């Protein structure tokens, strides 16, 4: 499934791997901070060690000294660090010693090395071995790929931009594509802007053959916005965006999208806000509160309201993130960030096109969320396409692989049609107005999408 969903309210689980009868290798989730010899702060998300008892990296800032290999973030970029037995602390950072915008996944560890998978939206997964003794990172293999692993052209590039949010906070954006900042001769292209921004889950990039074949291959772009609420800068980055800080996520996303527009990567009618689960809540409230920011919004298995979360056992687990709707505090800070409850200008969504996807068997975000969001968007003048699937499955999509793939293909067909329509209407408008305002075109895209609603 394209852009694998986050599990709301729970941390990613990395299982320990049995290496031999002599010892057990641990790959565990950690948090905290590590001070590198350079003075930079490393924010770990996982560590791999070979100890009887795995130690957490929590509490005050700590120095590397455990002999473990850590994976996490430095300056908003994924990184690896290890204190070697021969060369001291060795650190690899995306954009420097690692590919720009890459995502690093630990696979297994032994007494001598740690095996990791490194990939990005323009880099198929590759396996590397990190030697604990020397700190060397050596290429091992590339998993067999059925799609285009060797065909991605060198014209596809990565660039990390930095937006300035309302309060001055720097927000990293990982962009992949061809029409990136500085390409002033290129026209802004359809660009998917993916956001999550919650539950301490980082918005890492991901490789998908479908992203390449159906999107990047055609000259379009994809951008991952690292808003507050994630873990890119540690626990404080997450905690600053919960409860009364919820508006910061929206403000971060708005700043990022406006920077993408200013950099000519995209413009409002070629911007696709994309979010899944909690990310769909962020995308939808941003579109409602900021008219004209983006004309395309895709909300998959959305959380559309937090007002009733106290009514279910799972919903109550989200209270630390959203606040308790049974108290006046929730009305003070969350109501304005809730797509269903916030004040909205009539017809504020006129000219926007929404795709809302839900699964009737989803136990995490019930189909009622998707249905309610559909009604809200219609009420505010947006045009809605709904796919409410009755297939066996849930929050992660359909259970049957062939059906799951079919649903993904359907999504990409939709996005391609929207992109082509946008380009066609923009080109027509450009031909008409080029003599007057060649660089300030506000063409209105023309869309003709059939409403699809599979009843639950």
Protein backbone atom coordinates (compact mmCIF):
# COMPACT_ATOMS: atom_id res chain seq x y z
CA UNK A 1 0.00 0.00 0.00
CA UNK A 2 1.41 3.38 -0.98
CA UNK A 3 2.65 5.50 1.92
CA UNK A 4 2.25 2.99 4.71
CA UNK A 5 -0.07 4.25 7.42
CA UNK A 6 0.89 5.17 10.95
CA UNK A 7 -0.64 3.32 13.89
CA UNK A 8 -2.38 6.05 15.89
CA UNK A 9 -1.62 6.06 19.57
CA UNK A 10 1.07 3.40 19.53
CA UNK A 11 4.79 3.49 18.94
CA UNK A 12 6.43 1.51 16.18
CA UNK A 13 7.54 -1.85 17.44
CA UNK A 14 10.90 -3.25 16.41
CA UNK A 15 11.28 -6.85 17.50
CA UNK A 16 14.44 -8.32 18.91
CA UNK A 17 16.16 -10.76 16.55
CA UNK A 18 17.69 -14.04 17.74
CA UNK A 19 21.22 -14.22 16.30
CA UNK A 20 22.75 -17.31 17.91
CA UNK A 21 22.61 -19.52 20.98
CA UNK A 22 25.31 -17.38 22.59
CA UNK A 23 23.53 -14.05 22.68
CA UNK A 24 20.36 -12.15 21.77
CA UNK A 25 20.41 -9.07 19.58
CA UNK A 26 18.08 -6.24 20.53
CA UNK A 27 16.51 -3.73 18.15
CA UNK A 28 14.27 -1.58 20.28
CA UNK A 29 12.42 1.72 20.26
CA UNK A 30 14.19 4.45 22.24
CA UNK A 31 13.88 8.18 22.88
CA UNK A 32 16.01 10.92 24.36
CA UNK A 33 19.02 12.81 23.06
CA UNK A 34 22.66 11.98 22.32
CA UNK A 35 25.39 14.60 22.15
CA UNK A 36 27.75 13.85 19.26
CA UNK A 37 31.44 14.81 19.33
CA UNK A 38 30.65 17.53 16.77
CA UNK A 39 28.31 19.13 19.29
CA UNK A 40 25.21 18.30 17.26
CA UNK A 41 22.27 16.65 18.98
CA UNK A 42 21.19 13.23 17.76
CA UNK A 43 17.54 12.27 18.40
CA UNK A 44 17.39 8.45 18.45
CA UNK A 45 14.35 6.43 17.42
CA UNK A 46 15.83 2.93 17.68
CA UNK A 47 18.98 1.20 18.79
CA UNK A 48 20.61 -2.15 18.07
CA UNK A 49 22.77 -3.68 20.74
CA UNK A 50 23.93 -7.10 21.82
CA UNK A 51 23.36 -7.09 25.54
CA UNK A 52 21.46 -9.28 27.93
CA UNK A 53 19.48 -6.23 29.03
CA UNK A 54 18.72 -3.48 26.52
CA UNK A 55 19.09 0.02 27.96
CA UNK A 56 16.90 2.95 26.99
CA UNK A 57 18.33 6.31 26.03
CA UNK A 58 15.93 8.47 28.02
CA UNK A 59 16.11 11.43 30.33
CA UNK A 60 18.80 14.14 30.16
CA UNK A 61 21.17 14.52 27.25
CA UNK A 62 23.59 11.58 27.18
CA UNK A 63 26.93 10.99 25.51
CA UNK A 64 27.41 8.05 23.15
CA UNK A 65 29.19 5.38 25.10
CA UNK A 66 27.16 2.20 25.19
CA UNK A 67 28.65 0.60 22.09
CA UNK A 68 25.20 0.44 20.50
CA UNK A 69 24.20 1.52 17.03
CA UNK A 70 21.50 4.18 17.01
CA UNK A 71 19.16 5.29 14.25
CA UNK A 72 17.34 8.61 14.36
CA UNK A 73 17.58 12.24 13.28
CA UNK A 74 20.18 15.01 13.19
CA UNK A 75 19.03 18.46 12.02
CA UNK A 76 15.80 16.98 10.66
CA UNK A 77 17.65 14.35 8.59
CA UNK A 78 17.81 10.63 9.25
CA UNK A 79 21.13 9.39 10.56
CA UNK A 80 23.08 6.46 12.01
CA UNK A 81 25.63 6.73 14.79
CA UNK A 82 27.85 4.18 16.50
CA UNK A 83 30.74 4.25 18.96
CA UNK A 84 33.23 1.90 17.35
CA UNK A 85 35.95 0.02 19.16
CA UNK A 86 38.64 1.43 16.85
CA UNK A 87 37.64 4.85 15.54
CA UNK A 88 35.39 6.31 18.22
CA UNK A 89 32.01 7.73 17.26
CA UNK A 90 31.09 7.40 13.59
CA UNK A 91 27.97 9.14 12.27
CA UNK A 92 26.24 8.95 8.89
CA UNK A 93 23.70 11.67 8.03
CA UNK A 94 21.26 11.81 5.10
CA UNK A 95 22.41 14.30 2.51
CA UNK A 96 26.04 13.89 3.57
CA UNK A 97 27.28 10.31 3.91
CA UNK A 98 23.81 8.88 3.26
CA UNK A 99 21.50 9.57 0.28
CA UNK A 100 19.45 12.75 0.67
CA UNK A 101 16.02 12.26 2.21
CA UNK A 102 16.58 8.58 2.86
CA UNK A 103 14.82 6.38 5.41
CA UNK A 104 16.88 3.89 7.43
CA UNK A 105 15.26 0.70 8.75
CA UNK A 106 17.12 -1.69 11.08
CA UNK A 107 16.80 -5.32 10.01
CA UNK A 108 19.00 -7.34 12.35
CA UNK A 109 22.15 -7.13 14.44
CA UNK A 110 25.00 -9.36 15.49
CA UNK A 111 28.07 -8.98 17.69
CA UNK A 112 30.03 -7.60 14.72
CA UNK A 113 27.59 -5.65 12.57
CA UNK A 114 24.10 -4.22 12.09
CA UNK A 115 22.18 -4.79 8.87
CA UNK A 116 20.04 -1.85 7.73
CA UNK A 117 17.83 -1.05 4.76
CA UNK A 118 18.24 2.38 3.16
CA UNK A 119 15.71 3.79 0.70
CA UNK A 120 13.90 6.95 -0.36
CA UNK A 121 11.20 7.95 -2.82
CA UNK A 122 13.81 7.83 -5.61
CA UNK A 123 16.03 5.10 -4.17
CA UNK A 124 14.88 1.46 -4.17
CA UNK A 125 15.68 -0.42 -0.93
CA UNK A 126 19.31 -1.37 -0.54
CA UNK A 127 20.85 -3.44 2.25
CA UNK A 128 24.01 -2.26 4.02
CA UNK A 129 26.16 -3.66 6.81
CA UNK A 130 27.44 -1.29 9.48
CA UNK A 131 30.60 -2.72 11.04
CA UNK A 132 30.66 -2.17 14.79
CA UNK A 133 34.44 -2.27 14.95
CA UNK A 134 35.38 0.12 12.13
CA UNK A 135 32.15 2.01 11.58
CA UNK A 136 32.30 1.26 7.86
CA UNK A 137 28.98 1.08 6.00
CA UNK A 138 29.25 -1.48 3.22
CA UNK A 139 26.73 -2.24 0.49
CA UNK A 140 25.45 -5.80 0.72
CA UNK A 141 22.57 -6.28 -1.69
CA UNK A 142 19.45 -4.91 -3.29
CA UNK A 143 16.27 -6.96 -2.87
CA UNK A 144 14.73 -8.25 -6.11
CA UNK A 145 12.36 -5.68 -7.54
CA UNK A 146 9.61 -6.26 -10.03
CA UNK A 147 9.23 -2.62 -10.92
CA UNK A 148 11.68 -0.11 -12.30
CA UNK A 149 14.43 -0.46 -9.67
CA UNK A 150 17.08 0.16 -12.32
CA UNK A 151 15.06 2.54 -14.46
CA UNK A 152 14.71 5.59 -12.21
CA UNK A 153 16.39 8.39 -14.19
CA UNK A 154 19.10 10.59 -12.76
CA UNK A 155 16.94 13.62 -13.50
CA UNK A 156 14.94 12.80 -10.36
CA UNK A 157 16.52 14.56 -7.44
CA UNK A 158 16.06 15.28 -3.76
CA UNK A 159 16.16 18.62 -2.06
CA UNK A 160 15.50 19.53 1.57
CA UNK A 161 13.86 22.91 2.07
CA UNK A 162 13.23 24.67 5.36
CA UNK A 163 10.02 26.61 5.97
CA UNK A 164 9.61 29.11 8.79
CA UNK A 165 6.44 28.52 10.80
CA UNK A 166 4.35 31.24 12.43
CA UNK A 167 6.39 31.26 15.64
CA UNK A 168 9.76 31.09 13.87
CA UNK A 169 10.25 27.33 14.14
CA UNK A 170 12.15 25.79 11.20
CA UNK A 171 10.18 23.03 9.44
CA UNK A 172 12.15 20.62 7.19
CA UNK A 173 10.59 19.46 3.91
CA UNK A 174 12.01 16.56 1.89
CA UNK A 175 11.15 17.08 -1.79
CA UNK A 176 11.60 14.55 -4.57
CA UNK A 177 11.05 15.17 -8.27
CA UNK A 178 12.29 17.22 -11.19
CA UNK A 179 10.81 20.71 -10.78
CA UNK A 180 12.53 21.57 -7.51
CA UNK A 181 13.55 24.91 -6.04
CA UNK A 182 15.90 26.89 -8.23
CA UNK A 183 14.43 25.50 -11.46
CA UNK A 184 12.89 28.84 -12.35
CA UNK A 185 12.58 27.86 -16.00
CA UNK A 186 10.30 24.98 -15.07
CA UNK A 187 6.60 25.39 -14.51
CA UNK A 188 5.20 24.38 -11.11
CA UNK A 189 4.13 20.75 -11.29
CA UNK A 190 1.50 18.60 -9.56
CA UNK A 191 2.96 17.88 -6.13
CA UNK A 192 1.75 15.54 -3.41
CA UNK A 193 2.36 17.08 0.01
CA UNK A 194 2.27 14.28 2.58
CA UNK A 195 1.72 15.12 6.24
CA UNK A 196 1.21 13.24 9.49
CA UNK A 197 2.20 15.38 12.48
CA UNK A 198 1.15 13.43 15.54
CA UNK A 199 1.64 10.68 18.12
CA UNK A 200 5.42 11.06 18.06
CA UNK A 201 5.67 9.32 14.66
CA UNK A 202 8.17 10.79 12.22
CA UNK A 203 6.98 11.49 8.69
CA UNK A 204 9.74 9.53 6.97
CA UNK A 205 10.01 9.07 3.24
CA UNK A 206 9.21 5.76 1.61
CA UNK A 207 10.07 4.00 -1.63
CA UNK A 208 7.20 2.73 -3.75
CA UNK A 209 7.33 1.53 -7.36
CA UNK A 210 3.85 3.03 -7.76
CA UNK A 211 5.04 6.47 -6.68
CA UNK A 212 7.66 6.31 -9.43
CA UNK A 213 5.60 4.73 -12.20
CA UNK A 214 2.42 6.76 -11.72
CA UNK A 215 3.82 10.05 -10.45
CA UNK A 216 7.54 10.85 -10.44
CA UNK A 217 8.04 9.32 -13.88
CA UNK A 218 5.69 11.93 -15.33
CA UNK A 219 7.63 14.90 -13.98
CA UNK A 220 5.55 15.37 -10.84
CA UNK A 221 6.84 15.88 -7.30
CA UNK A 222 6.26 14.53 -3.82
CA UNK A 223 7.09 16.35 -0.58
CA UNK A 224 7.21 15.08 3.01
CA UNK A 225 6.64 17.81 5.59
CA UNK A 226 8.24 17.25 9.01
CA UNK A 227 5.78 19.20 11.14
CA UNK A 228 5.79 19.24 14.88
CA UNK A 229 3.93 16.35 16.46
CA UNK A 230 6.39 13.79 15.08
CA UNK A 231 9.74 12.69 16.48
CA UNK A 232 12.22 14.33 14.12
CA UNK A 233 13.54 16.51 16.95
CA UNK A 234 12.77 14.22 19.85
CA UNK A 235 10.06 14.10 22.47
CA UNK A 236 9.74 17.88 22.80
CA UNK A 237 8.96 18.11 19.07
CA UNK A 238 6.02 15.80 19.70
CA UNK A 239 4.83 17.28 22.97
CA UNK A 240 4.87 20.83 21.61
CA UNK A 241 2.04 19.85 19.24
CA UNK A 242 -0.37 17.99 21.51
CA UNK A 243 -3.51 19.39 23.15
CA UNK A 244 -3.19 23.20 23.25
CA UNK A 245 -0.34 22.98 20.73
CA UNK A 246 -2.42 21.31 18.02
CA UNK A 247 -2.61 24.49 15.93
CA UNK A 248 1.17 24.38 15.48
CA UNK A 249 0.90 21.36 13.17
CA UNK A 250 -1.50 23.22 10.90
CA UNK A 251 0.67 26.34 10.96
CA UNK A 252 3.76 24.27 10.14
CA UNK A 253 2.00 22.68 7.16
CA UNK A 254 0.76 26.02 5.87
CA UNK A 255 4.26 27.48 6.05
CA UNK A 256 5.66 24.47 4.20
CA UNK A 257 3.08 24.62 1.39
CA UNK A 258 3.57 28.34 0.94
CA UNK A 259 7.30 27.80 0.64
CA UNK A 260 6.71 25.15 -2.02
CA UNK A 261 4.59 27.69 -3.90
CA UNK A 262 7.23 30.43 -3.54
CA UNK A 263 9.91 28.00 -4.76
CA UNK A 264 7.83 27.28 -7.90
CA UNK A 265 7.66 23.58 -7.06
CA UNK A 266 3.86 23.75 -7.18
CA UNK A 267 1.03 26.24 -6.94
CA UNK A 268 -2.41 25.97 -5.33
CA UNK A 269 -4.12 24.21 -8.23
CA UNK A 270 -1.28 21.67 -8.53
CA UNK A 271 -0.98 21.02 -4.78
CA UNK A 272 -2.35 17.74 -3.41
CA UNK A 273 -2.61 17.65 0.39
CA UNK A 274 -2.38 13.99 1.38
CA UNK A 275 -2.91 12.50 4.82
CA UNK A 276 -3.79 9.16 6.33
CA UNK A 277 -5.58 8.62 9.65
CA UNK A 278 -4.40 11.46 11.90
CA UNK A 279 -2.63 12.96 8.89
CA UNK A 280 -6.02 13.21 7.15
CA UNK A 281 -7.30 15.27 10.08
CA UNK A 282 -4.34 17.62 9.63
CA UNK A 283 -4.86 17.88 5.86
CA UNK A 284 -8.60 18.52 6.16
CA UNK A 285 -8.45 21.16 8.90
CA UNK A 286 -5.69 22.93 6.98
CA UNK A 287 -7.76 23.02 3.80
CA UNK A 288 -10.83 24.28 5.70
CA UNK A 289 -8.99 26.96 7.65
CA UNK A 290 -6.81 28.18 4.76
CA UNK A 291 -8.92 28.68 1.66
CA UNK A 292 -6.98 28.64 -1.59
CA UNK A 293 -3.90 26.89 -0.21
CA UNK A 294 -4.55 23.66 -2.15
CA UNK A 295 -7.22 22.55 -4.60
CA UNK A 296 -6.69 18.79 -4.20
CA UNK A 297 -7.09 16.98 -0.87
CA UNK A 298 -6.80 13.22 -0.31
CA UNK A 299 -7.94 11.88 3.06
CA UNK A 300 -7.49 8.15 3.62
CA UNK A 301 -9.02 6.33 6.61
CA UNK A 302 -9.45 9.76 8.21
CA UNK A 303 -9.97 10.85 11.77
CA UNK A 304 -12.49 13.61 11.08
CA UNK A 305 -13.47 14.59 14.62
CA UNK A 306 -12.10 14.27 18.14
CA UNK A 307 -15.25 15.36 19.95
CA UNK A 308 -16.44 11.81 20.66
CA UNK A 309 -13.15 10.06 21.37
CA UNK A 310 -14.03 9.50 25.03
CA UNK A 311 -16.88 7.19 24.00
CA UNK A 312 -14.65 4.30 22.93
CA UNK A 313 -11.76 2.47 24.55
CA UNK A 314 -9.45 3.18 21.61
CA UNK A 315 -10.53 6.81 21.46
CA UNK A 316 -9.67 7.31 25.11
CA UNK A 317 -6.10 6.33 24.28
CA UNK A 318 -5.98 9.44 22.05
CA UNK A 319 -6.91 11.85 24.86
CA UNK A 320 -3.25 12.62 25.74
CA UNK A 321 -2.82 13.78 22.13
CA UNK A 322 -6.07 15.68 21.55
CA UNK A 323 -7.30 16.51 25.04
CA UNK A 324 -10.46 15.36 26.79
CA UNK A 325 -13.64 16.54 25.02
CA UNK A 326 -15.51 16.16 28.33
CA UNK A 327 -13.62 19.17 29.71
CA UNK A 328 -13.70 22.86 28.85
CA UNK A 329 -10.03 22.65 27.86
CA UNK A 330 -10.91 20.72 24.71
CA UNK A 331 -13.31 23.45 23.56
CA UNK A 332 -10.63 26.05 24.24
CA UNK A 333 -7.90 24.59 22.05
CA UNK A 334 -9.11 21.58 20.04
CA UNK A 335 -12.44 22.75 18.72
CA UNK A 336 -10.72 25.16 16.35
CA UNK A 337 -8.53 22.31 15.07
CA UNK A 338 -11.35 19.81 14.58
CA UNK A 339 -12.61 19.58 10.96
CA UNK A 340 -16.17 18.89 12.09
CA UNK A 341 -16.39 21.46 14.88
CA UNK A 342 -14.30 24.42 13.71
CA UNK A 343 -15.86 27.63 12.50
CA UNK A 344 -15.75 27.77 8.71
CA UNK A 345 -16.66 30.38 6.14
CA UNK A 346 -19.59 29.30 3.93
CA UNK A 347 -18.39 27.90 0.59
CA UNK A 348 -14.76 28.10 1.76
CA UNK A 349 -14.07 24.82 -0.05
CA UNK A 350 -15.56 25.91 -3.37
CA UNK A 351 -13.18 24.93 -6.17
CA UNK A 352 -11.53 22.14 -4.16
CA UNK A 353 -11.62 18.46 -5.06
CA UNK A 354 -11.57 15.84 -2.30
CA UNK A 355 -10.98 12.11 -2.36
CA UNK A 356 -12.09 10.43 0.89
CA UNK A 357 -11.30 6.73 1.36
CA UNK A 358 -12.59 4.55 4.17
CA UNK A 359 -12.99 0.88 5.05
CA UNK A 360 -16.23 -0.29 6.59
CA UNK A 361 -14.35 -2.84 8.70
CA UNK A 362 -11.82 -0.31 10.03
CA UNK A 363 -11.76 -0.65 13.82
CA UNK A 364 -9.29 2.23 14.32
CA UNK A 365 -11.07 5.03 12.50
CA UNK A 366 -14.61 3.88 11.95
CA UNK A 367 -16.28 4.53 8.62
CA UNK A 368 -18.46 7.13 10.33
CA UNK A 369 -15.43 9.46 10.32
CA UNK A 370 -15.13 9.30 6.54
CA UNK A 371 -18.88 9.72 6.05
CA UNK A 372 -19.01 12.72 8.37
CA UNK A 373 -16.08 14.36 6.57
CA UNK A 374 -17.83 13.82 3.24
CA UNK A 375 -20.92 15.65 4.53
CA UNK A 376 -18.82 18.47 5.96
CA UNK A 377 -16.94 19.04 2.71
CA UNK A 378 -20.16 19.01 0.72
CA UNK A 379 -21.65 21.52 3.16
CA UNK A 380 -18.71 23.87 2.64
CA UNK A 381 -18.89 23.71 -1.15
CA UNK A 382 -16.17 21.20 -1.98
CA UNK A 383 -16.51 18.49 -4.59
CA UNK A 384 -16.19 15.02 -3.07
CA UNK A 385 -15.30 11.62 -4.47
CA UNK A 386 -15.83 8.87 -1.89
CA UNK A 387 -14.62 5.28 -1.91
CA UNK A 388 -16.07 3.40 1.05
CA UNK A 389 -14.86 -0.17 0.72
CA UNK A 390 -16.69 -3.19 2.08
CA UNK A 391 -13.78 -5.56 1.42
CA UNK A 392 -12.25 -7.45 4.30
CA UNK A 393 -9.54 -5.33 5.85
CA UNK A 394 -9.19 -2.30 8.05
CA UNK A 395 -6.96 0.65 8.86
CA UNK A 396 -4.06 -0.73 6.82
CA UNK A 397 -6.23 -1.43 3.77
CA UNK A 398 -7.70 -4.55 2.21
CA UNK A 399 -6.58 -7.91 3.58
CA UNK A 400 -6.37 -9.69 0.22
CA UNK A 401 -3.16 -8.57 -1.58
CA UNK A 402 -4.73 -8.46 -5.05
CA UNK A 403 -7.58 -6.28 -3.80
CA UNK A 404 -5.12 -4.08 -1.92
CA UNK A 405 -3.13 -3.57 -5.12
CA UNK A 406 -6.31 -2.85 -7.08
CA UNK A 407 -7.29 -0.17 -4.57
CA UNK A 408 -3.85 1.41 -4.86
CA UNK A 409 -4.03 1.37 -8.67
CA UNK A 410 -7.42 3.03 -8.49
CA UNK A 411 -5.98 5.77 -6.30
CA UNK A 412 -3.14 6.43 -8.70
CA UNK A 413 -5.46 6.49 -11.69
CA UNK A 414 -7.48 9.15 -9.89
CA UNK A 415 -4.40 11.22 -9.06
CA UNK A 416 -3.10 10.99 -12.63
CA UNK A 417 -6.43 12.14 -14.06
CA UNK A 418 -6.43 15.09 -11.67
CA UNK A 419 -2.86 15.97 -12.55
CA UNK A 420 -3.43 15.81 -16.30
CA UNK A 421 -6.61 17.88 -15.99
CA UNK A 422 -4.80 20.48 -13.92
CA UNK A 423 -1.95 20.73 -16.40
CA UNK A 424 -4.33 21.00 -19.36
CA UNK A 425 -6.38 23.77 -17.80
CA UNK A 426 -3.26 25.60 -16.61
CA UNK A 427 -1.75 25.39 -20.09
CA UNK A 428 -4.91 26.76 -21.69
CA UNK A 429 -5.03 29.61 -19.20
CA UNK A 430 -1.34 30.31 -19.80
CA UNK A 431 -1.84 30.56 -23.55
CA UNK A 432 -4.67 33.06 -22.98
CA UNK A 433 -2.92 35.26 -20.42
CA UNK A 434 0.79 34.84 -21.24
CA UNK A 435 1.13 38.26 -22.85
CA UNK A 436 -0.12 39.98 -19.69
CA UNK A 437 0.96 37.96 -16.66
CA UNK A 438 3.06 34.96 -17.71
CA UNK A 439 4.28 34.19 -14.17
CA UNK A 440 1.13 34.97 -12.16
CA UNK A 441 -1.45 32.64 -13.58
CA UNK A 442 -4.31 31.58 -11.33
CA UNK A 443 -5.94 29.12 -13.66
CA UNK A 444 -9.01 27.30 -12.42
CA UNK A 445 -8.63 23.57 -13.05
CA UNK A 446 -11.53 21.75 -14.64
CA UNK A 447 -12.35 18.37 -13.17
CA UNK A 448 -14.96 15.82 -14.16
CA UNK A 449 -14.85 13.04 -11.58
CA UNK A 450 -17.57 10.53 -11.01
CA UNK A 451 -18.84 10.21 -7.46
CA UNK A 452 -18.28 6.66 -6.27
CA UNK A 453 -19.84 5.51 -3.02
CA UNK A 454 -19.76 1.85 -2.04
CA UNK A 455 -22.30 1.62 0.77
CA UNK A 456 -21.40 -0.08 4.01
